[in-house]
Each structure stands twice: as structure tokens, then as C-alpha cells.
PDB file of N, CA and C in Angstrom:
ATOM      1  N   MET A   1       0.491  -1.330  -0.376  1.00  0.00           N
ATOM      2  CA  MET A   1      -0.171   0.113  -0.016  1.00  0.00           C
ATOM      3  C   MET A   1       0.734   1.436   0.155  1.00  0.00           C
ATOM      4  N   SER A   2       0.520   2.313  -0.944  1.00  0.00           N
ATOM      5  CA  SER A   2       0.789   3.924  -1.238  1.00  0.00           C
ATOM      6  C   SER A   2       0.760   4.395   0.308  1.00  0.00           C
ATOM      7  N   THR A   3       2.091   5.643   0.023  1.00  0.00           N
ATOM      8  CA  THR A   3       1.534   6.464   1.136  1.00  0.00           C
ATOM      9  C   THR A   3       0.391   7.385   0.295  1.00  0.00           C
ATOM     10  N   THR A   4      -0.629   7.739   1.114  1.00  0.00           N
ATOM     11  CA  THR A   4      -1.845   8.436   0.328  1.00  0.00           C
ATOM     12  C   THR A   4      -1.699   9.573   0.970  1.00  0.00           C
ATOM     13  N   THR A   5      -1.670  10.843   0.458  1.00  0.00           N
ATOM     14  CA  THR A   5      -1.758  12.383   0.968  1.00  0.00           C
ATOM     15  C   THR A   5      -3.243  12.996   0.810  1.00  0.00           C
ATOM     16  N   ALA A   6      -3.756  14.205   1.239  1.00  0.00           N
ATOM     17  CA  ALA A   6      -4.476  14.611   1.239  1.00  0.00           C
ATOM     18  C   ALA A   6      -5.001  14.679   0.247  1.00  0.00           C
ATOM     19  N   GLN A   7      -4.095  15.449  -0.945  1.00  0.00           N
ATOM     20  CA  GLN A   7      -4.066  15.970  -1.741  1.00  0.00           C
ATOM     21  C   GLN A   7      -4.694  15.164  -3.375  1.00  0.00           C
ATOM     22  N   GLN A   8      -4.014  13.946  -2.426  1.00  0.00           N
ATOM     23  CA  GLN A   8      -3.968  12.736  -3.901  1.00  0.00           C
ATOM     24  C   GLN A   8      -5.773  12.411  -3.557  1.00  0.00           C
ATOM     25  N   ILE A   9      -5.991  12.265  -1.913  1.00  0.00           N
ATOM     26  CA  ILE A   9      -7.511  11.512  -2.012  1.00  0.00           C
ATOM     27  C   ILE A   9      -8.312  12.873  -2.714  1.00  0.00           C
ATOM     28  N   ALA A  10      -8.258  13.875  -2.532  1.00  0.00           N
ATOM     29  CA  ALA A  10      -8.927  15.508  -2.893  1.00  0.00           C
ATOM     30  C   ALA A  10      -8.685  15.160  -4.234  1.00  0.00           C
ATOM     31  N   GLU A  11      -7.893  14.906  -5.110  1.00  0.00           N
ATOM     32  CA  GLU A  11      -7.887  14.932  -6.658  1.00  0.00           C
ATOM     33  C   GLU A  11      -8.611  13.690  -6.851  1.00  0.00           C
ATOM     34  N   THR A  12      -8.608  12.541  -6.398  1.00  0.00           N
ATOM     35  CA  THR A  12      -8.965  11.367  -6.851  1.00  0.00           C
ATOM     36  C   THR A  12     -10.930  11.771  -6.767  1.00  0.00           C
ATOM     37  N   ALA A  13     -11.498  11.951  -5.482  1.00  0.00           N
ATOM     38  CA  ALA A  13     -12.813  12.805  -4.999  1.00  0.00           C
ATOM     39  C   ALA A  13     -13.341  13.464  -6.277  1.00  0.00           C
ATOM     40  N   ALA A  14     -12.449  14.510  -6.796  1.00  0.00           N
ATOM     41  CA  ALA A  14     -12.797  15.539  -7.467  1.00  0.00           C
ATOM     42  C   ALA A  14     -13.175  14.530  -8.896  1.00  0.00           C
ATOM     43  N   ARG A  15     -12.504  13.922  -9.855  1.00  0.00           N
ATOM     44  CA  ARG A  15     -12.269  13.216 -10.572  1.00  0.00           C
ATOM     45  C   ARG A  15     -13.505  12.374 -10.660  1.00  0.00           C
ATOM     46  N   VAL A  16     -13.640  11.691  -9.769  1.00  0.00           N
ATOM     47  CA  VAL A  16     -15.187  10.752  -9.373  1.00  0.00           C
ATOM     48  C   VAL A  16     -16.212  11.762  -9.568  1.00  0.00           C
ATOM     49  N   ALA A  17     -16.499  12.527  -8.405  1.00  0.00           N
ATOM     50  CA  ALA A  17     -17.103  13.557  -8.303  1.00  0.00           C
ATOM     51  C   ALA A  17     -18.138  14.048 -10.125  1.00  0.00           C
ATOM     52  N   LEU A  18     -17.123  14.334 -10.863  1.00  0.00           N
ATOM     53  CA  LEU A  18     -17.049  14.728 -11.926  1.00  0.00           C
ATOM     54  C   LEU A  18     -18.083  13.960 -12.717  1.00  0.00           C
ATOM     55  N   ALA A  19     -17.389  12.862 -12.724  1.00  0.00           N
ATOM     56  CA  ALA A  19     -17.904  11.954 -13.775  1.00  0.00           C
ATOM     57  C   ALA A  19     -19.467  11.541 -13.544  1.00  0.00           C
ATOM     58  N   VAL A  20     -20.098  11.619 -12.606  1.00  0.00           N
ATOM     59  CA  VAL A  20     -21.355  11.450 -12.069  1.00  0.00           C
ATOM     60  C   VAL A  20     -22.245  12.134 -13.120  1.00  0.00           C
ATOM     61  N   PRO A  21     -23.111  11.536 -13.750  1.00  0.00           N
ATOM     62  CA  PRO A  21     -23.970  12.266 -14.679  1.00  0.00           C
ATOM     63  C   PRO A  21     -24.715  13.131 -13.168  1.00  0.00           C
ATOM     64  N   GLY A  22     -24.853  14.097 -13.555  1.00  0.00           N
ATOM     65  CA  GLY A  22     -25.892  15.262 -13.137  1.00  0.00           C
ATOM     66  C   GLY A  22     -24.999  16.761 -12.029  1.00  0.00           C
ATOM     67  N   VAL A  23     -23.806  15.779 -12.309  1.00  0.00           N
ATOM     68  CA  VAL A  23     -22.589  17.275 -11.399  1.00  0.00           C
ATOM     69  C   VAL A  23     -22.162  18.203 -12.448  1.00  0.00           C
ATOM     70  N   VAL A  24     -22.682  19.584 -12.404  1.00  0.00           N
ATOM     71  CA  VAL A  24     -21.965  20.205 -13.278  1.00  0.00           C
ATOM     72  C   VAL A  24     -20.484  20.726 -13.278  1.00  0.00           C
ATOM     73  N   GLY A  25     -20.548  20.787 -11.855  1.00  0.00           N
ATOM     74  CA  GLY A  25     -19.165  21.099 -11.505  1.00  0.00           C
ATOM     75  C   GLY A  25     -18.608  20.786 -10.446  1.00  0.00           C
ATOM     76  N   LEU A  26     -17.187  21.485  -9.554  1.00  0.00           N
ATOM     77  CA  LEU A  26     -16.988  21.731  -8.505  1.00  0.00           C
ATOM     78  C   LEU A  26     -17.064  23.337  -8.134  1.00  0.00           C
ATOM     79  N   GLN A  27     -17.465  23.761  -6.865  1.00  0.00           N
ATOM     80  CA  GLN A  27     -17.129  24.833  -6.344  1.00  0.00           C
ATOM     81  C   GLN A  27     -16.057  25.086  -6.363  1.00  0.00           C
ATOM     82  N   PRO A  28     -15.434  26.259  -6.761  1.00  0.00           N
ATOM     83  CA  PRO A  28     -14.166  26.360  -6.089  1.00  0.00           C
ATOM     84  C   PRO A  28     -14.011  26.927  -4.667  1.00  0.00           C
ATOM     85  N   ARG A  29     -13.104  26.934  -4.191  1.00  0.00           N
ATOM     86  CA  ARG A  29     -12.188  27.366  -2.651  1.00  0.00           C
ATOM     87  C   ARG A  29     -13.312  28.537  -2.470  1.00  0.00           C
ATOM     88  N   PRO A  30     -13.273  28.802  -1.297  1.00  0.00           N
ATOM     89  CA  PRO A  30     -13.793  30.503  -1.169  1.00  0.00           C
ATOM     90  C   PRO A  30     -12.412  31.387  -1.146  1.00  0.00           C
ATOM     91  N   GLY A  31     -13.073  32.222  -1.784  1.00  0.00           N
ATOM     92  CA  GLY A  31     -12.087  33.249  -1.795  1.00  0.00           C
ATOM     93  C   GLY A  31     -11.425  33.296  -3.373  1.00  0.00           C
ATOM     94  N   GLU A  32     -11.868  32.029  -4.537  1.00  0.00           N
ATOM     95  CA  GLU A  32     -12.231  32.465  -5.816  1.00  0.00           C
ATOM     96  C   GLU A  32     -12.376  32.891  -5.803  1.00  0.00           C
ATOM     97  N   PRO A  33     -12.379  33.990  -7.417  1.00  0.00           N
ATOM     98  CA  PRO A  33     -13.716  33.920  -7.951  1.00  0.00           C
ATOM     99  C   PRO A  33     -13.644  32.871  -9.428  1.00  0.00           C
ATOM    100  N   PRO A  34     -15.409  32.947  -9.055  1.00  0.00           N
ATOM    101  CA  PRO A  34     -15.835  31.960  -9.979  1.00  0.00           C
ATOM    102  C   PRO A  34     -16.023  32.411 -11.632  1.00  0.00           C
ATOM    103  N   ASP A  35     -16.136  31.516 -12.134  1.00  0.00           N
ATOM    104  CA  ASP A  35     -16.147  32.032 -13.811  1.00  0.00           C
ATOM    105  C   ASP A  35     -17.379  32.248 -14.221  1.00  0.00           C
ATOM    106  N   GLY A  36     -18.006  33.063 -15.169  1.00  0.00           N
ATOM    107  CA  GLY A  36     -19.270  33.125 -16.142  1.00  0.00           C
ATOM    108  C   GLY A  36     -20.540  33.172 -14.898  1.00  0.00           C
ATOM    109  N   ASP A  37     -20.612  31.219 -14.919  1.00  0.00           N
ATOM    110  CA  ASP A  37     -21.764  30.754 -14.000  1.00  0.00           C
ATOM    111  C   ASP A  37     -21.521  30.331 -13.280  1.00  0.00           C
ATOM    112  N   GLY A  38     -20.399  30.479 -12.558  1.00  0.00           N
ATOM    113  CA  GLY A  38     -20.260  30.117 -10.776  1.00  0.00           C
ATOM    114  C   GLY A  38     -19.452  28.499 -10.689  1.00  0.00           C
ATOM    115  N   ALA A  39     -19.708  27.830 -11.585  1.00  0.00           N
ATOM    116  CA  ALA A  39     -19.219  26.767 -11.254  1.00  0.00           C
ATOM    117  C   ALA A  39     -17.456  26.864 -11.925  1.00  0.00           C
ATOM    118  N   ARG A  40     -16.069  26.485 -10.986  1.00  0.00           N
ATOM    119  CA  ARG A  40     -14.862  26.403 -11.740  1.00  0.00           C
ATOM    120  C   ARG A  40     -15.206  25.035 -12.574  1.00  0.00           C
ATOM    121  N   ARG A  41     -15.878  24.250 -12.215  1.00  0.00           N
ATOM    122  CA  ARG A  41     -14.620  22.542 -13.120  1.00  0.00           C
ATOM    123  C   ARG A  41     -15.940  21.890 -13.727  1.00  0.00           C
ATOM    124  N   ARG A  42     -16.124  21.680 -14.793  1.00  0.00           N
ATOM    125  CA  ARG A  42     -17.186  21.748 -15.837  1.00  0.00           C
ATOM    126  C   ARG A  42     -16.782  19.932 -16.384  1.00  0.00           C
ATOM    127  N   CYS A  43     -17.370  19.667 -16.678  1.00  0.00           N
ATOM    128  CA  CYS A  43     -17.378  18.282 -17.360  1.00  0.00           C
ATOM    129  C   CYS A  43     -16.322  17.888 -18.431  1.00  0.00           C
ATOM    130  N   ASP A  44     -15.087  18.542 -18.274  1.00  0.00           N
ATOM    131  CA  ASP A  44     -14.159  17.766 -19.041  1.00  0.00           C
ATOM    132  C   ASP A  44     -13.296  17.430 -18.400  1.00  0.00           C
ATOM    133  N   HIS A  45     -13.324  16.570 -17.226  1.00  0.00           N
ATOM    134  CA  HIS A  45     -12.654  16.093 -16.392  1.00  0.00           C
ATOM    135  C   HIS A  45     -11.058  16.376 -16.052  1.00  0.00           C
ATOM    136  N   THR A  46     -10.908  17.971 -16.069  1.00  0.00           N
ATOM    137  CA  THR A  46      -9.697  18.691 -15.869  1.00  0.00           C
ATOM    138  C   THR A  46     -10.133  19.009 -14.784  1.00  0.00           C
ATOM    139  N   VAL A  47      -9.312  18.090 -13.121  1.00  0.00           N
ATOM    140  CA  VAL A  47      -9.506  18.534 -12.395  1.00  0.00           C
ATOM    141  C   VAL A  47      -7.751  19.004 -11.355  1.00  0.00           C
ATOM    142  N   ASP A  48      -8.141  20.725 -10.937  1.00  0.00           N
ATOM    143  CA  ASP A  48      -7.236  20.878  -9.833  1.00  0.00           C
ATOM    144  C   ASP A  48      -7.487  20.802  -8.579  1.00  0.00           C
ATOM    145  N   ALA A  49      -7.362  20.094  -7.835  1.00  0.00           N
ATOM    146  CA  ALA A  49      -7.436  19.992  -6.679  1.00  0.00           C
ATOM    147  C   ALA A  49      -6.886  21.566  -5.330  1.00  0.00           C
ATOM    148  N   GLU A  50      -6.179  22.071  -5.918  1.00  0.00           N
ATOM    149  CA  GLU A  50      -5.575  23.287  -4.927  1.00  0.00           C
ATOM    150  C   GLU A  50      -7.090  24.184  -5.398  1.00  0.00           C
ATOM    151  N   GLU A  51      -7.847  24.006  -6.528  1.00  0.00           N
ATOM    152  CA  GLU A  51      -8.869  25.053  -7.182  1.00  0.00           C
ATOM    153  C   GLU A  51     -10.063  24.508  -6.735  1.00  0.00           C
ATOM    154  N   ALA A  52     -10.786  23.396  -6.775  1.00  0.00           N
ATOM    155  CA  ALA A  52     -11.886  22.768  -6.484  1.00  0.00           C
ATOM    156  C   ALA A  52     -11.907  22.348  -4.643  1.00  0.00           C
ATOM    157  N   ASP A  53     -13.520  22.761  -4.618  1.00  0.00           N
ATOM    158  CA  ASP A  53     -13.514  23.182  -2.962  1.00  0.00           C
ATOM    159  C   ASP A  53     -13.775  20.993  -2.410  1.00  0.00           C
ATOM    160  N   VAL A  54     -12.410  20.322  -2.565  1.00  0.00           N
ATOM    161  CA  VAL A  54     -12.931  18.754  -1.719  1.00  0.00           C
ATOM    162  C   VAL A  54     -11.917  19.175  -1.106  1.00  0.00           C
ATOM    163  N   ARG A  55     -12.731  19.012   0.355  1.00  0.00           N
ATOM    164  CA  ARG A  55     -11.742  19.410   1.496  1.00  0.00           C
ATOM    165  C   ARG A  55     -11.781  17.862   2.481  1.00  0.00           C
ATOM    166  N   VAL A  56     -10.574  17.364   3.072  1.00  0.00           N
ATOM    167  CA  VAL A  56      -9.955  16.406   3.336  1.00  0.00           C
ATOM    168  C   VAL A  56      -9.507  16.567   4.143  1.00  0.00           C
ATOM    169  N   ASP A  57      -9.743  15.706   5.563  1.00  0.00           N
ATOM    170  CA  ASP A  57      -9.601  15.592   6.834  1.00  0.00           C
ATOM    171  C   ASP A  57      -9.396  14.730   7.318  1.00  0.00           C
ATOM    172  N   ARG A  58      -8.608  13.919   8.650  1.00  0.00           N
ATOM    173  CA  ARG A  58      -8.269  13.082   9.165  1.00  0.00           C
ATOM    174  C   ARG A  58      -7.812  13.058  10.662  1.00  0.00           C
ATOM    175  N   PRO A  59      -9.219  13.257  11.181  1.00  0.00           N
ATOM    176  CA  PRO A  59      -9.558  13.183  12.602  1.00  0.00           C
ATOM    177  C   PRO A  59      -9.000  11.412  13.040  1.00  0.00           C
ATOM    178  N   ASP A  60     -10.520  10.948  13.040  1.00  0.00           N
ATOM    179  CA  ASP A  60     -10.201   9.384  13.063  1.00  0.00           C
ATOM    180  C   ASP A  60     -10.097   8.667  11.942  1.00  0.00           C
ATOM    181  N   GLY A  61      -9.489   8.617  10.620  1.00  0.00           N
ATOM    182  CA  GLY A  61      -9.928   8.243  10.329  1.00  0.00           C
ATOM    183  C   GLY A  61     -10.243   9.313   8.265  1.00  0.00           C
ATOM    184  N   TRP A  62     -10.062   8.801   7.272  1.00  0.00           N
ATOM    185  CA  TRP A  62     -10.178  10.156   6.768  1.00  0.00           C
ATOM    186  C   TRP A  62     -11.850  10.439   5.838  1.00  0.00           C
ATOM    187  N   HIS A  63     -11.802  11.835   6.363  1.00  0.00           N
ATOM    188  CA  HIS A  63     -13.424  12.584   5.995  1.00  0.00           C
ATOM    189  C   HIS A  63     -13.220  13.339   4.809  1.00  0.00           C
ATOM    190  N   VAL A  64     -14.098  13.236   3.484  1.00  0.00           N
ATOM    191  CA  VAL A  64     -13.907  13.851   2.358  1.00  0.00           C
ATOM    192  C   VAL A  64     -15.337  14.555   2.622  1.00  0.00           C
ATOM    193  N   GLU A  65     -14.863  16.134   1.966  1.00  0.00           N
ATOM    194  CA  GLU A  65     -16.607  16.624   1.390  1.00  0.00           C
ATOM    195  C   GLU A  65     -16.170  17.773  -0.031  1.00  0.00           C
ATOM    196  N   VAL A  66     -17.087  16.423  -0.420  1.00  0.00           N
ATOM    197  CA  VAL A  66     -17.256  17.312  -1.777  1.00  0.00           C
ATOM    198  C   VAL A  66     -17.957  18.067  -2.032  1.00  0.00           C
ATOM    199  N   ARG A  67     -17.485  19.787  -2.934  1.00  0.00           N
ATOM    200  CA  ARG A  67     -18.690  20.177  -2.919  1.00  0.00           C
ATOM    201  C   ARG A  67     -19.196  20.629  -4.112  1.00  0.00           C
ATOM    202  N   CYS A  68     -20.251  20.443  -4.520  1.00  0.00           N
ATOM    203  CA  CYS A  68     -21.168  19.814  -5.970  1.00  0.00           C
ATOM    204  C   CYS A  68     -22.511  21.138  -6.425  1.00  0.00           C
ATOM    205  N   VAL A  69     -22.151  21.205  -7.503  1.00  0.00           N
ATOM    206  CA  VAL A  69     -22.944  22.483  -8.831  1.00  0.00           C
ATOM    207  C   VAL A  69     -23.865  21.130  -9.212  1.00  0.00           C
ATOM    208  N   LEU A  70     -24.871  21.070  -9.347  1.00  0.00           N
ATOM    209  CA  LEU A  70     -25.744  20.015  -9.850  1.00  0.00           C
ATOM    210  C   LEU A  70     -26.584  20.236 -11.172  1.00  0.00           C
ATOM    211  N   ASP A  71     -27.389  19.340 -11.879  1.00  0.00           N
ATOM    212  CA  ASP A  71     -27.988  20.063 -12.899  1.00  0.00           C
ATOM    213  C   ASP A  71     -29.081  20.205 -12.404  1.00  0.00           C
ATOM    214  N   GLY A  72     -29.756  20.970 -12.484  1.00  0.00           N
ATOM    215  CA  GLY A  72     -31.121  21.298 -11.926  1.00  0.00           C
ATOM    216  C   GLY A  72     -32.263  20.078 -12.356  1.00  0.00           C
ATOM    217  N   ARG A  73     -31.827  19.834 -13.777  1.00  0.00           N
ATOM    218  CA  ARG A  73     -33.073  19.138 -14.383  1.00  0.00           C
ATOM    219  C   ARG A  73     -32.967  17.647 -13.514  1.00  0.00           C
ATOM    220  N   LEU A  74     -32.188  17.425 -12.781  1.00  0.00           N
ATOM    221  CA  LEU A  74     -31.704  15.800 -12.124  1.00  0.00           C
ATOM    222  C   LEU A  74     -32.569  16.180 -10.376  1.00  0.00           C
ATOM    223  N   ARG A  75     -32.728  15.229 -10.069  1.00  0.00           N
ATOM    224  CA  ARG A  75     -33.060  15.346  -8.664  1.00  0.00           C
ATOM    225  C   ARG A  75     -31.918  15.357  -7.528  1.00  0.00           C
ATOM    226  N   ALA A  76     -31.911  16.047  -7.167  1.00  0.00           N
ATOM    227  CA  ALA A  76     -30.235  16.960  -6.480  1.00  0.00           C
ATOM    228  C   ALA A  76     -30.652  15.433  -5.314  1.00  0.00           C
ATOM    229  N   LEU A  77     -31.032  14.673  -4.796  1.00  0.00           N
ATOM    230  CA  LEU A  77     -31.008  14.173  -3.275  1.00  0.00           C
ATOM    231  C   LEU A  77     -30.044  12.660  -4.700  1.00  0.00           C
ATOM    232  N   ASP A  78     -30.951  12.171  -5.462  1.00  0.00           N
ATOM    233  CA  ASP A  78     -30.018  11.110  -6.188  1.00  0.00           C
ATOM    234  C   ASP A  78     -29.027  11.415  -6.985  1.00  0.00           C
ATOM    235  N   VAL A  79     -28.898  12.639  -7.293  1.00  0.00           N
ATOM    236  CA  VAL A  79     -27.412  12.756  -7.564  1.00  0.00           C
ATOM    237  C   VAL A  79     -25.881  13.312  -6.219  1.00  0.00           C
ATOM    238  N   ALA A  80     -26.727  13.916  -5.828  1.00  0.00           N
ATOM    239  CA  ALA A  80     -26.033  13.575  -4.278  1.00  0.00           C
ATOM    240  C   ALA A  80     -25.305  12.287  -3.557  1.00  0.00           C
ATOM    241  N   ARG A  81     -26.575  11.719  -3.950  1.00  0.00           N
ATOM    242  CA  ARG A  81     -25.840   9.938  -3.209  1.00  0.00           C
ATOM    243  C   ARG A  81     -24.937   9.019  -4.216  1.00  0.00           C
ATOM    244  N   ALA A  82     -25.118   9.714  -5.557  1.00  0.00           N
ATOM    245  CA  ALA A  82     -24.738   8.814  -6.644  1.00  0.00           C
ATOM    246  C   ALA A  82     -22.808   9.541  -6.189  1.00  0.00           C
ATOM    247  N   VAL A  83     -22.708  11.114  -5.688  1.00  0.00           N
ATOM    248  CA  VAL A  83     -21.409  11.519  -5.753  1.00  0.00           C
ATOM    249  C   VAL A  83     -20.872  10.939  -4.567  1.00  0.00           C
ATOM    250  N   ARG A  84     -21.642  10.636  -3.275  1.00  0.00           N
ATOM    251  CA  ARG A  84     -21.212  10.007  -1.739  1.00  0.00           C
ATOM    252  C   ARG A  84     -20.549   8.731  -2.295  1.00  0.00           C
ATOM    253  N   ALA A  85     -21.501   7.748  -3.208  1.00  0.00           N
ATOM    254  CA  ALA A  85     -21.845   6.174  -3.559  1.00  0.00           C
ATOM    255  C   ALA A  85     -20.186   5.876  -3.834  1.00  0.00           C
ATOM    256  N   SER A  86     -20.184   7.222  -5.418  1.00  0.00           N
ATOM    257  CA  SER A  86     -18.928   6.735  -6.305  1.00  0.00           C
ATOM    258  C   SER A  86     -17.971   6.542  -5.672  1.00  0.00           C
ATOM    259  N   VAL A  87     -17.491   7.758  -4.752  1.00  0.00           N
ATOM    260  CA  VAL A  87     -15.979   8.698  -3.964  1.00  0.00           C
ATOM    261  C   VAL A  87     -15.925   7.418  -2.978  1.00  0.00           C
ATOM    262  N   THR A  88     -16.858   6.999  -2.361  1.00  0.00           N
ATOM    263  CA  THR A  88     -16.672   6.482  -0.938  1.00  0.00           C
ATOM    264  C   THR A  88     -15.914   4.940  -1.719  1.00  0.00           C
ATOM    265  N   THR A  89     -16.862   4.105  -2.926  1.00  0.00           N
ATOM    266  CA  THR A  89     -16.235   3.125  -3.793  1.00  0.00           C
ATOM    267  C   THR A  89     -14.886   2.984  -4.087  1.00  0.00           C
ATOM    268  N   ARG A  90     -14.400   4.345  -5.078  1.00  0.00           N
ATOM    269  CA  ARG A  90     -13.592   4.664  -5.206  1.00  0.00           C
ATOM    270  C   ARG A  90     -12.012   4.785  -4.445  1.00  0.00           C
ATOM    271  N   LEU A  91     -12.725   5.210  -3.397  1.00  0.00           N
ATOM    272  CA  LEU A  91     -11.215   5.284  -2.174  1.00  0.00           C
ATOM    273  C   LEU A  91     -11.612   3.913  -1.655  1.00  0.00           C
ATOM    274  N   LEU A  92     -12.407   3.185  -1.467  1.00  0.00           N
ATOM    275  CA  LEU A  92     -12.081   2.394  -0.702  1.00  0.00           C
ATOM    276  C   LEU A  92     -11.896   0.902  -1.401  1.00  0.00           C
ATOM    277  N   THR A  93     -11.590   1.129  -2.601  1.00  0.00           N
ATOM    278  CA  THR A  93     -10.981  -0.164  -3.937  1.00  0.00           C
ATOM    279  C   THR A  93      -9.996   0.441  -4.286  1.00  0.00           C
ATOM    280  N   GLY A  94      -9.593   1.545  -4.444  1.00  0.00           N
ATOM    281  CA  GLY A  94      -8.383   2.455  -4.580  1.00  0.00           C
ATOM    282  C   GLY A  94      -7.210   1.812  -4.305  1.00  0.00           C
ATOM    283  N   PRO A  95      -5.505   1.829  -5.400  1.00  0.00           N
ATOM    284  CA  PRO A  95      -4.804   1.279  -4.958  1.00  0.00           C
ATOM    285  C   PRO A  95      -4.313   2.014  -3.587  1.00  0.00           C
ATOM    286  N   ALA A  96      -4.836   2.553  -3.198  1.00  0.00           N
ATOM    287  CA  ALA A  96      -4.256   3.142  -1.839  1.00  0.00           C
ATOM    288  C   ALA A  96      -5.279   2.743  -1.019  1.00  0.00           C
ATOM    289  N   TYR A  97      -5.722   1.438  -0.592  1.00  0.00           N
ATOM    290  CA  TYR A  97      -6.754   1.330   0.077  1.00  0.00           C
ATOM    291  C   TYR A  97      -6.838   2.166   1.514  1.00  0.00           C
ATOM    292  N   LEU A  98      -8.083   2.862   1.801  1.00  0.00           N
ATOM    293  CA  LEU A  98      -8.437   4.164   2.582  1.00  0.00           C
ATOM    294  C   LEU A  98      -9.503   3.432   3.943  1.00  0.00           C
ATOM    295  N   ALA A  99      -9.040   3.347   5.403  1.00  0.00           N
ATOM    296  CA  ALA A  99      -9.960   2.851   5.795  1.00  0.00           C
ATOM    297  C   ALA A  99      -9.633   3.393   7.138  1.00  0.00           C
ATOM    298  N   PRO A 100     -10.736   3.986   7.904  1.00  0.00           N
ATOM    299  CA  PRO A 100     -12.399   4.097   7.888  1.00  0.00           C
ATOM    300  C   PRO A 100     -11.912   5.468   6.660  1.00  0.00           C
ATOM    301  N   VAL A 101     -12.918   5.295   6.059  1.00  0.00           N
ATOM    302  CA  VAL A 101     -13.153   6.656   5.223  1.00  0.00           C
ATOM    303  C   VAL A 101     -14.703   7.240   5.340  1.00  0.00           C
ATOM    304  N   SER A 102     -14.824   8.319   5.227  1.00  0.00           N
ATOM    305  CA  SER A 102     -16.461   8.753   5.599  1.00  0.00           C
ATOM    306  C   SER A 102     -16.329   9.849   4.045  1.00  0.00           C
ATOM    307  N   VAL A 103     -17.672  10.076   3.189  1.00  0.00           N
ATOM    308  CA  VAL A 103     -17.605  10.809   2.609  1.00  0.00           C
ATOM    309  C   VAL A 103     -19.295  11.869   2.921  1.00  0.00           C
ATOM    310  N   SER A 104     -18.596  12.904   2.281  1.00  0.00           N
ATOM    311  CA  SER A 104     -20.171  13.935   2.553  1.00  0.00           C
ATOM    312  C   SER A 104     -20.234  15.004   1.097  1.00  0.00           C
ATOM    313  N   VAL A 105     -21.487  15.040   0.921  1.00  0.00           N
ATOM    314  CA  VAL A 105     -21.466  15.832  -0.375  1.00  0.00           C
ATOM    315  C   VAL A 105     -22.547  17.137  -0.313  1.00  0.00           C
ATOM    316  N   VAL A 106     -21.551  18.205  -0.321  1.00  0.00           N
ATOM    317  CA  VAL A 106     -22.624  19.528  -0.158  1.00  0.00           C
ATOM    318  C   VAL A 106     -22.933  20.314  -1.000  1.00  0.00           C
ATOM    319  N   VAL A 107     -23.947  20.132  -1.512  1.00  0.00           N
ATOM    320  CA  VAL A 107     -25.006  21.115  -2.495  1.00  0.00           C
ATOM    321  C   VAL A 107     -24.629  22.132  -2.890  1.00  0.00           C
ATOM    322  N   THR A 108     -23.870  23.043  -3.368  1.00  0.00           N
ATOM    323  CA  THR A 108     -23.307  24.321  -3.206  1.00  0.00           C
ATOM    324  C   THR A 108     -24.427  25.333  -4.171  1.00  0.00           C
ATOM    325  N   ARG A 109     -24.987  25.038  -4.925  1.00  0.00           N
ATOM    326  CA  ARG A 109     -26.111  25.285  -6.092  1.00  0.00           C
ATOM    327  C   ARG A 109     -26.213  24.794  -6.828  1.00  0.00           C
ATOM    328  N   ILE A 110     -27.557  24.668  -7.618  1.00  0.00           N
ATOM    329  CA  ILE A 110     -28.475  24.087  -8.721  1.00  0.00           C
ATOM    330  C   ILE A 110     -28.658  24.794  -9.712  1.00  0.00           C
ATOM    331  N   ALA A 111     -27.556  24.562 -10.823  1.00  0.00           N
ATOM    332  CA  ALA A 111     -27.768  24.974 -12.382  1.00  0.00           C
ATOM    333  C   ALA A 111     -28.639  25.114 -12.939  1.00  0.00           C
ATOM    334  N   LEU A 112     -29.599  25.844 -13.146  1.00  0.00           N
ATOM    335  CA  LEU A 112     -30.736  25.506 -14.301  1.00  0.00           C
ATOM    336  C   LEU A 112     -30.273  25.929 -15.716  1.00  0.00           C
ATOM    337  N   PRO A 113     -30.829  24.832 -16.594  1.00  0.00           N
ATOM    338  CA  PRO A 113     -30.527  24.894 -18.137  1.00  0.00           C
ATOM    339  C   PRO A 113     -30.712  25.998 -18.680  1.00  0.00           C
ATOM    340  N   ALA A 114     -29.828  26.188 -19.727  1.00  0.00           N
ATOM    341  CA  ALA A 114     -30.232  27.814 -19.766  1.00  0.00           C
ATOM    342  C   ALA A 114     -31.169  27.426 -20.991  1.00  0.00           C
ATOM    343  N   PRO A 115     -32.529  28.579 -21.026  1.00  0.00           N
ATOM    344  CA  PRO A 115     -33.452  28.522 -21.701  1.00  0.00           C
ATOM    345  C   PRO A 115     -33.729  28.542 -23.452  1.00  0.00           C
ATOM    346  N   ALA A 116     -34.590  27.007 -24.157  1.00  0.00           N
ATOM    347  CA  ALA A 116     -33.826  26.932 -25.314  1.00  0.00           C
ATOM    348  C   ALA A 116     -34.380  28.017 -26.143  1.00  0.00           C
ATOM    349  N   ALA A 117     -33.928  29.046 -27.351  1.00  0.00           N
ATOM    350  CA  ALA A 117     -33.823  29.744 -28.320  1.00  0.00           C
ATOM    351  C   ALA A 117     -35.209  29.619 -29.142  1.00  0.00           C
ATOM    352  N   THR A 118     -35.910  30.503 -29.009  1.00  0.00           N
ATOM    353  CA  THR A 118     -37.000  30.230 -29.595  1.00  0.00           C
ATOM    354  C   THR A 118     -37.306  30.662 -31.342  1.00  0.00           C
ATOM    355  N   ALA A 119     -38.442  30.669 -32.541  1.00  0.00           N
ATOM    356  CA  ALA A 119     -38.246  30.923 -33.197  1.00  0.00           C
ATOM    357  C   ALA A 119     -38.166  33.031 -33.402  1.00  0.00           C
ATOM    358  N   ALA A 120     -38.738  33.189 -32.713  1.00  0.00           N
ATOM    359  CA  ALA A 120     -39.156  34.735 -32.223  1.00  0.00           C
ATOM    360  C   ALA A 120     -37.772  35.642 -32.109  1.00  0.00           C
ATOM    361  N   ASP A 121     -36.998  34.886 -31.321  1.00  0.00           N
ATOM    362  CA  ASP A 121     -35.521  35.332 -31.153  1.00  0.00           C
ATOM    363  C   ASP A 121     -34.710  35.784 -32.471  1.00  0.00           C
TER     364      ASP A 121
END
């Protein structure tokens, strides 16, 4: 088993969360200016754990908090549960098995889709 750092865990959690259908992006860390629509990370799977607000603590085991912006067309509870399950599974089955680990998901915003253009526009 290799040594796992908080940054590696944050990067893994960010990549896994972005792969979940319904996750529009990850909230940037406080104090960072958001891009035009408030979500720093898009579904292009390019993640910089320094910018993404994935918090990792190690009080008694690892605790990971993923702060997500979700797609408003999907039920937020279902997406949040899927993020939690996916991140937990990846951390527990990855090359550096982490035990114990807990994952929480914070929905920071629900992004509504842009209205479709009409013929009158």
C-alpha cells in the first residue's frame, strides 16, 4: 500500500465526482472568483485539487467533503447520493485502500439549464 496524501484523495474525489451524471462542476475554494456561471470545474474532467473545494480531514480516519454544483434537471438527492457512493467506492477500492473513510456531499448550487432559443429570437 502506498502512502496517500490529502491532495491525492482530493484529486481522486474530484475526478470521480465530476464523472457522476448530474454534476455540473465543483465549487471553487472560498475566495476564488468563479467563472461566468459560478462553477469552476466543468465536465471536461480536468481537475485541479488546489482550486476545487474538496476538503479532506483526518480526525479518526479520512473524511472527504465534496462541494458540488448540480444540474437542475435531475433530482439533487439522487445525484448527491450517487456522488457519495462513487467517491466512497473509489477510495475504498483504489490502489491505496483507505479505511475508515467517510464522504459527505454539499450541494452548493443547482444550475438550471439555459432556456431554449425560440423562433421569435
